[in-house]
Amino acid sequence: VHPREVFAEPITKRAAAIIVAHNHPSGNVDPSPEDREITNRLKAAGETLGIPLLDHIIFGVKGYFSFVEQGIF
């Protein structure tokens, strides 16, 4: 995923902030290194655009992982 794809609609709709989410079909909600990298890229892009990333949530069969709740933001 590229930040321009994530922010295209929020820019068009004049969003004040965004929350991104995706699922892990494996059921393991722990973020992969790639999840952590894209979160950092999206956070930086949001700061540049003035559309802050409020959270990144990963959903699995038995629960979820919130970057904010885990203190990663």
N, C-alpha and C. Protein backbone atom coordinates (compact mmCIF):
# COMPACT_ATOMS: atom_id res chain seq x y z
N VAL A 1 0.84 -1.17 0.00
CA VAL A 1 0.00 0.00 0.00
C VAL A 1 0.89 1.24 0.00
N HIS A 2 0.44 2.25 -0.71
CA HIS A 2 1.21 3.49 -0.78
C HIS A 2 0.41 4.61 -0.12
N PRO A 3 1.08 5.52 0.59
CA PRO A 3 0.35 6.61 1.24
C PRO A 3 -0.56 7.39 0.31
N ARG A 4 -0.18 7.58 -0.95
CA ARG A 4 -1.04 8.34 -1.86
C ARG A 4 -2.37 7.66 -2.08
N GLU A 5 -2.38 6.30 -2.05
CA GLU A 5 -3.63 5.56 -2.19
C GLU A 5 -4.49 5.72 -0.93
N VAL A 6 -3.86 5.67 0.22
CA VAL A 6 -4.58 5.78 1.48
C VAL A 6 -5.17 7.18 1.65
N PHE A 7 -4.43 8.20 1.27
CA PHE A 7 -4.86 9.58 1.52
C PHE A 7 -5.65 10.21 0.37
N ALA A 8 -5.80 9.53 -0.75
CA ALA A 8 -6.51 10.11 -1.89
C ALA A 8 -7.93 10.54 -1.52
N GLU A 9 -8.71 9.65 -0.96
CA GLU A 9 -10.08 10.00 -0.61
C GLU A 9 -10.16 10.96 0.58
N PRO A 10 -9.38 10.75 1.65
CA PRO A 10 -9.42 11.74 2.73
C PRO A 10 -9.10 13.16 2.26
N ILE A 11 -8.20 13.30 1.30
CA ILE A 11 -7.90 14.63 0.77
C ILE A 11 -9.12 15.17 0.03
N THR A 12 -9.68 14.35 -0.84
CA THR A 12 -10.85 14.76 -1.62
C THR A 12 -12.03 15.12 -0.73
N LYS A 13 -12.24 14.35 0.32
CA LYS A 13 -13.37 14.56 1.22
C LYS A 13 -13.06 15.56 2.33
N ARG A 14 -11.84 16.10 2.32
CA ARG A 14 -11.40 17.08 3.31
C ARG A 14 -11.50 16.54 4.74
N ALA A 15 -11.02 15.32 4.91
CA ALA A 15 -11.05 14.68 6.22
C ALA A 15 -10.15 15.43 7.21
N ALA A 16 -10.56 15.40 8.47
CA ALA A 16 -9.77 16.02 9.52
C ALA A 16 -8.72 15.07 10.07
N ALA A 17 -8.96 13.75 9.94
CA ALA A 17 -8.05 12.73 10.44
C ALA A 17 -8.50 11.39 9.86
N ILE A 18 -7.64 10.36 9.98
CA ILE A 18 -8.01 9.02 9.52
C ILE A 18 -7.60 7.96 10.54
N ILE A 19 -8.27 6.83 10.44
CA ILE A 19 -7.89 5.60 11.14
C ILE A 19 -7.82 4.54 10.05
N VAL A 20 -6.75 3.79 10.01
CA VAL A 20 -6.64 2.72 9.03
C VAL A 20 -6.79 1.37 9.74
N ALA A 21 -7.29 0.41 9.01
CA ALA A 21 -7.49 -0.94 9.56
C ALA A 21 -7.34 -1.97 8.46
N HIS A 22 -6.90 -3.14 8.85
CA HIS A 22 -6.88 -4.27 7.92
C HIS A 22 -6.96 -5.55 8.74
N ASN A 23 -7.15 -6.65 8.05
CA ASN A 23 -7.26 -7.92 8.77
C ASN A 23 -6.06 -8.82 8.50
N HIS A 24 -5.82 -9.72 9.42
CA HIS A 24 -4.84 -10.78 9.27
C HIS A 24 -5.62 -12.09 9.25
N PRO A 25 -5.83 -12.66 8.08
CA PRO A 25 -6.61 -13.90 8.00
C PRO A 25 -6.03 -15.05 8.82
N SER A 26 -4.74 -14.97 9.13
CA SER A 26 -4.11 -16.02 9.93
C SER A 26 -4.66 -16.04 11.35
N GLY A 27 -5.25 -14.91 11.76
CA GLY A 27 -5.75 -14.80 13.13
C GLY A 27 -4.75 -14.17 14.07
N ASN A 28 -3.48 -14.15 13.71
CA ASN A 28 -2.44 -13.53 14.54
C ASN A 28 -2.49 -12.02 14.31
N VAL A 29 -2.82 -11.28 15.35
CA VAL A 29 -2.98 -9.83 15.19
C VAL A 29 -1.70 -9.04 15.45
N ASP A 30 -0.62 -9.71 15.78
CA ASP A 30 0.64 -9.00 16.00
C ASP A 30 1.08 -8.33 14.70
N PRO A 31 1.48 -7.07 14.76
CA PRO A 31 1.89 -6.38 13.54
C PRO A 31 3.20 -6.94 13.00
N SER A 32 3.24 -7.10 11.69
CA SER A 32 4.47 -7.55 11.02
C SER A 32 5.41 -6.35 10.90
N PRO A 33 6.66 -6.60 10.56
CA PRO A 33 7.57 -5.47 10.30
C PRO A 33 7.02 -4.54 9.21
N GLU A 34 6.36 -5.12 8.21
CA GLU A 34 5.77 -4.31 7.15
C GLU A 34 4.62 -3.45 7.68
N ASP A 35 3.82 -4.02 8.59
CA ASP A 35 2.74 -3.24 9.21
C ASP A 35 3.31 -2.04 9.96
N ARG A 36 4.38 -2.27 10.69
CA ARG A 36 5.01 -1.18 11.45
C ARG A 36 5.59 -0.12 10.51
N GLU A 37 6.20 -0.58 9.41
CA GLU A 37 6.79 0.35 8.45
C GLU A 37 5.72 1.22 7.79
N ILE A 38 4.64 0.62 7.31
CA ILE A 38 3.61 1.40 6.65
C ILE A 38 2.92 2.33 7.64
N THR A 39 2.78 1.90 8.88
CA THR A 39 2.19 2.78 9.88
C THR A 39 3.04 4.02 10.06
N ASN A 40 4.34 3.86 10.13
CA ASN A 40 5.24 5.00 10.26
C ASN A 40 5.18 5.91 9.04
N ARG A 41 5.10 5.30 7.86
CA ARG A 41 5.01 6.09 6.62
C ARG A 41 3.70 6.86 6.56
N LEU A 42 2.59 6.20 6.94
CA LEU A 42 1.29 6.87 6.92
C LEU A 42 1.22 7.98 7.96
N LYS A 43 1.81 7.74 9.11
CA LYS A 43 1.83 8.77 10.15
C LYS A 43 2.59 10.00 9.67
N ALA A 44 3.74 9.79 9.05
CA ALA A 44 4.55 10.90 8.53
C ALA A 44 3.81 11.63 7.41
N ALA A 45 3.20 10.88 6.50
CA ALA A 45 2.45 11.50 5.40
C ALA A 45 1.28 12.31 5.94
N GLY A 46 0.58 11.76 6.92
CA GLY A 46 -0.55 12.47 7.51
C GLY A 46 -0.12 13.77 8.17
N GLU A 47 1.02 13.76 8.83
CA GLU A 47 1.54 14.98 9.46
C GLU A 47 1.85 16.02 8.40
N THR A 48 2.43 15.59 7.28
CA THR A 48 2.76 16.50 6.19
C THR A 48 1.49 17.10 5.58
N LEU A 49 0.46 16.25 5.42
CA LEU A 49 -0.78 16.69 4.78
C LEU A 49 -1.74 17.41 5.72
N GLY A 50 -1.50 17.33 7.01
CA GLY A 50 -2.42 17.92 7.96
C GLY A 50 -3.65 17.06 8.19
N ILE A 51 -3.50 15.77 7.91
CA ILE A 51 -4.57 14.79 8.14
C ILE A 51 -3.96 13.69 9.02
N PRO A 52 -3.98 13.87 10.32
CA PRO A 52 -3.28 12.92 11.19
C PRO A 52 -3.86 11.51 11.16
N LEU A 53 -2.97 10.55 11.27
CA LEU A 53 -3.35 9.15 11.44
C LEU A 53 -3.59 8.94 12.92
N LEU A 54 -4.83 8.64 13.29
CA LEU A 54 -5.17 8.48 14.70
C LEU A 54 -4.86 7.10 15.24
N ASP A 55 -4.95 6.08 14.39
CA ASP A 55 -4.68 4.71 14.84
C ASP A 55 -4.58 3.80 13.63
N HIS A 56 -3.95 2.68 13.82
CA HIS A 56 -3.90 1.59 12.84
C HIS A 56 -4.35 0.36 13.62
N ILE A 57 -5.40 -0.26 13.14
CA ILE A 57 -5.98 -1.41 13.83
C ILE A 57 -5.87 -2.64 12.94
N ILE A 58 -5.41 -3.73 13.54
CA ILE A 58 -5.32 -5.02 12.84
C ILE A 58 -6.35 -5.95 13.47
N PHE A 59 -7.22 -6.49 12.64
CA PHE A 59 -8.26 -7.40 13.12
C PHE A 59 -7.88 -8.84 12.82
N GLY A 60 -8.21 -9.71 13.74
CA GLY A 60 -8.03 -11.15 13.55
C GLY A 60 -9.26 -11.87 14.05
N VAL A 61 -9.27 -13.18 13.92
CA VAL A 61 -10.42 -13.98 14.31
C VAL A 61 -10.75 -13.81 15.79
N LYS A 62 -9.75 -13.72 16.63
CA LYS A 62 -9.98 -13.70 18.08
C LYS A 62 -9.74 -12.34 18.73
N GLY A 63 -9.58 -11.30 17.95
CA GLY A 63 -9.36 -10.01 18.57
C GLY A 63 -8.79 -8.99 17.61
N TYR A 64 -8.13 -8.01 18.19
CA TYR A 64 -7.55 -6.94 17.38
C TYR A 64 -6.30 -6.41 18.06
N PHE A 65 -5.54 -5.64 17.30
CA PHE A 65 -4.35 -4.95 17.80
C PHE A 65 -4.48 -3.50 17.41
N SER A 66 -4.40 -2.61 18.38
CA SER A 66 -4.44 -1.17 18.14
C SER A 66 -3.07 -0.59 18.46
N PHE A 67 -2.49 0.10 17.50
CA PHE A 67 -1.19 0.73 17.74
C PHE A 67 -1.29 1.74 18.88
N VAL A 68 -2.41 2.47 18.96
CA VAL A 68 -2.58 3.46 20.03
C VAL A 68 -2.70 2.76 21.38
N GLU A 69 -3.53 1.73 21.48
CA GLU A 69 -3.71 1.04 22.74
C GLU A 69 -2.43 0.39 23.23
N GLN A 70 -1.57 0.01 22.31
CA GLN A 70 -0.30 -0.61 22.69
C GLN A 70 0.80 0.41 22.92
N GLY A 71 0.47 1.68 22.79
CA GLY A 71 1.44 2.74 23.07
C GLY A 71 2.50 2.92 22.01
N ILE A 72 2.24 2.45 20.81
CA ILE A 72 3.24 2.56 19.75
C ILE A 72 3.21 3.94 19.10
N PHE A 73 2.10 4.63 19.16
CA PHE A 73 2.02 5.98 18.61
C PHE A 73 2.62 6.95 19.59
